[in-house]
Amino acid sequence: MEFLRTVNSNFVNLLDYPFTANYLLVDDGEGGQLRIHYLDEGDKDAELILLLHGEPSWSFLYRKIIPILVEGLGLSLDQTL
């Protein structure tokens, strides 16, 4: 499977984006692997909230709402394919 990956240095010191990057490797069905980015913020025992977005957007879209969700409900998770 062909894919493009943005270099990690493009995500260093982003304004209003203090979140820690997490990655999961998944099989692409063709013998390779794809790296999926996700955010995992807040209390691990709190209610889970899954925020999904389409392409070409990414979790930067939720940078203002994630802190509010973490404070009010405890946990927020966003996944980027």
C-alpha atoms as a PDB file:
ATOM      1  CA  MET A   1       0.000   0.000   0.000  1.00  0.00           C
ATOM      2  CA  GLU A   2       1.358   3.416  -0.878  1.00  0.00           C
ATOM      3  CA  PHE A   3       1.065   6.122   1.752  1.00  0.00           C
ATOM      4  CA  LEU A   4       2.531   9.495   2.640  1.00  0.00           C
ATOM      5  CA  ARG A   5       3.759  10.392   6.104  1.00  0.00           C
ATOM      6  CA  THR A   6       4.440  13.891   7.363  1.00  0.00           C
ATOM      7  CA  VAL A   7       7.823  14.167   9.048  1.00  0.00           C
ATOM      8  CA  ASN A   8       7.629  14.310  12.854  1.00  0.00           C
ATOM      9  CA  SER A   9       9.594  17.580  12.993  1.00  0.00           C
ATOM     10  CA  ASN A  10       6.565  19.357  11.477  1.00  0.00           C
ATOM     11  CA  PHE A  11       4.660  18.721  14.712  1.00  0.00           C
ATOM     12  CA  VAL A  12       7.256  20.068  17.173  1.00  0.00           C
ATOM     13  CA  ASN A  13       6.290  23.173  19.196  1.00  0.00           C
ATOM     14  CA  LEU A  14       2.900  23.707  17.565  1.00  0.00           C
ATOM     15  CA  LEU A  15       1.029  26.668  18.988  1.00  0.00           C
ATOM     16  CA  ASP A  16      -1.990  25.580  21.092  1.00  0.00           C
ATOM     17  CA  TYR A  17      -1.159  21.882  20.661  1.00  0.00           C
ATOM     18  CA  PRO A  18       0.443  20.634  23.912  1.00  0.00           C
ATOM     19  CA  PHE A  19      -0.623  17.005  23.490  1.00  0.00           C
ATOM     20  CA  THR A  20       1.633  13.963  23.553  1.00  0.00           C
ATOM     21  CA  ALA A  21       1.682  11.957  20.356  1.00  0.00           C
ATOM     22  CA  ASN A  22       0.894   8.234  20.562  1.00  0.00           C
ATOM     23  CA  TYR A  23       1.164   5.766  17.699  1.00  0.00           C
ATOM     24  CA  LEU A  24      -0.253   2.353  16.898  1.00  0.00           C
ATOM     25  CA  LEU A  25       1.064   0.166  14.076  1.00  0.00           C
ATOM     26  CA  VAL A  26      -1.563  -1.789  12.133  1.00  0.00           C
ATOM     27  CA  ASP A  27      -1.189  -4.220   9.263  1.00  0.00           C
ATOM     28  CA  ASP A  28      -2.142  -2.740   5.904  1.00  0.00           C
ATOM     29  CA  GLY A  29      -3.299  -6.076   4.473  1.00  0.00           C
ATOM     30  CA  GLU A  30      -0.467  -6.091   1.945  1.00  0.00           C
ATOM     31  CA  GLY A  31       2.446  -7.107   4.159  1.00  0.00           C
ATOM     32  CA  GLY A  32       3.261  -3.623   5.407  1.00  0.00           C
ATOM     33  CA  GLN A  33       2.204  -1.528   8.360  1.00  0.00           C
ATOM     34  CA  LEU A  34       0.499   1.819   8.759  1.00  0.00           C
ATOM     35  CA  ARG A  35       1.159   4.126  11.689  1.00  0.00           C
ATOM     36  CA  ILE A  36      -1.966   5.540  13.321  1.00  0.00           C
ATOM     37  CA  HIS A  37      -1.627   8.610  15.521  1.00  0.00           C
ATOM     38  CA  TYR A  38      -3.871   9.095  18.526  1.00  0.00           C
ATOM     39  CA  LEU A  39      -4.187  11.342  21.557  1.00  0.00           C
ATOM     40  CA  ASP A  40      -4.830   9.900  24.987  1.00  0.00           C
ATOM     41  CA  GLU A  41      -5.370  12.683  27.500  1.00  0.00           C
ATOM     42  CA  GLY A  42      -6.770  12.843  31.016  1.00  0.00           C
ATOM     43  CA  ASP A  43      -7.823  10.332  33.651  1.00  0.00           C
ATOM     44  CA  LYS A  44      -7.528   6.761  32.379  1.00  0.00           C
ATOM     45  CA  ASP A  45     -10.510   5.677  34.537  1.00  0.00           C
ATOM     46  CA  ALA A  46     -12.853   8.369  33.190  1.00  0.00           C
ATOM     47  CA  GLU A  47     -15.457   8.010  30.463  1.00  0.00           C
ATOM     48  CA  LEU A  48     -13.963   7.543  26.996  1.00  0.00           C
ATOM     49  CA  ILE A  49     -14.711  10.087  24.285  1.00  0.00           C
ATOM     50  CA  LEU A  50     -13.752   9.262  20.704  1.00  0.00           C
ATOM     51  CA  LEU A  51     -13.247  12.235  18.383  1.00  0.00           C
ATOM     52  CA  LEU A  52     -13.037  11.353  14.697  1.00  0.00           C
ATOM     53  CA  HIS A  53     -12.242  13.627  11.791  1.00  0.00           C
ATOM     54  CA  GLY A  54     -12.051  13.244   8.055  1.00  0.00           C
ATOM     55  CA  GLU A  55      -9.282  13.983   5.610  1.00  0.00           C
ATOM     56  CA  PRO A  56      -7.493  16.292   5.149  1.00  0.00           C
ATOM     57  CA  SER A  57      -8.012  17.473   8.731  1.00  0.00           C
ATOM     58  CA  TRP A  58      -6.239  16.126  11.826  1.00  0.00           C
ATOM     59  CA  SER A  59      -6.444  16.332  15.618  1.00  0.00           C
ATOM     60  CA  PHE A  60      -5.336  19.983  15.549  1.00  0.00           C
ATOM     61  CA  LEU A  61      -9.000  20.611  14.734  1.00  0.00           C
ATOM     62  CA  TYR A  62      -9.886  19.579  18.318  1.00  0.00           C
ATOM     63  CA  ARG A  63      -7.077  21.447  20.123  1.00  0.00           C
ATOM     64  CA  LYS A  64      -9.513  23.826  21.862  1.00  0.00           C
ATOM     65  CA  ILE A  65     -12.177  21.272  22.828  1.00  0.00           C
ATOM     66  CA  ILE A  66      -9.886  18.506  24.171  1.00  0.00           C
ATOM     67  CA  PRO A  67      -8.855  20.442  27.322  1.00  0.00           C
ATOM     68  CA  ILE A  68     -12.523  21.238  28.033  1.00  0.00           C
ATOM     69  CA  LEU A  69     -13.500  17.579  27.661  1.00  0.00           C
ATOM     70  CA  VAL A  70     -10.602  16.419  29.822  1.00  0.00           C
ATOM     71  CA  GLU A  71     -11.487  18.899  32.562  1.00  0.00           C
ATOM     72  CA  GLY A  72     -15.218  18.213  32.478  1.00  0.00           C
ATOM     73  CA  LEU A  73     -15.321  14.479  31.790  1.00  0.00           C
ATOM     74  CA  GLY A  74     -11.827  13.213  32.338  1.00  0.00           C
ATOM     75  CA  LEU A  75     -10.658  11.631  29.112  1.00  0.00           C
ATOM     76  CA  SER A  76     -10.476  12.450  25.440  1.00  0.00           C
ATOM     77  CA  LEU A  77      -9.069  10.374  22.618  1.00  0.00           C
ATOM     78  CA  ASP A  78      -8.621  11.336  18.993  1.00  0.00           C
ATOM     79  CA  GLN A  79      -7.473   9.052  16.196  1.00  0.00           C
ATOM     80  CA  THR A  80      -5.810  10.028  12.936  1.00  0.00           C
ATOM     81  CA  LEU A  81      -5.501   7.548  10.092  1.00  0.00           C
END
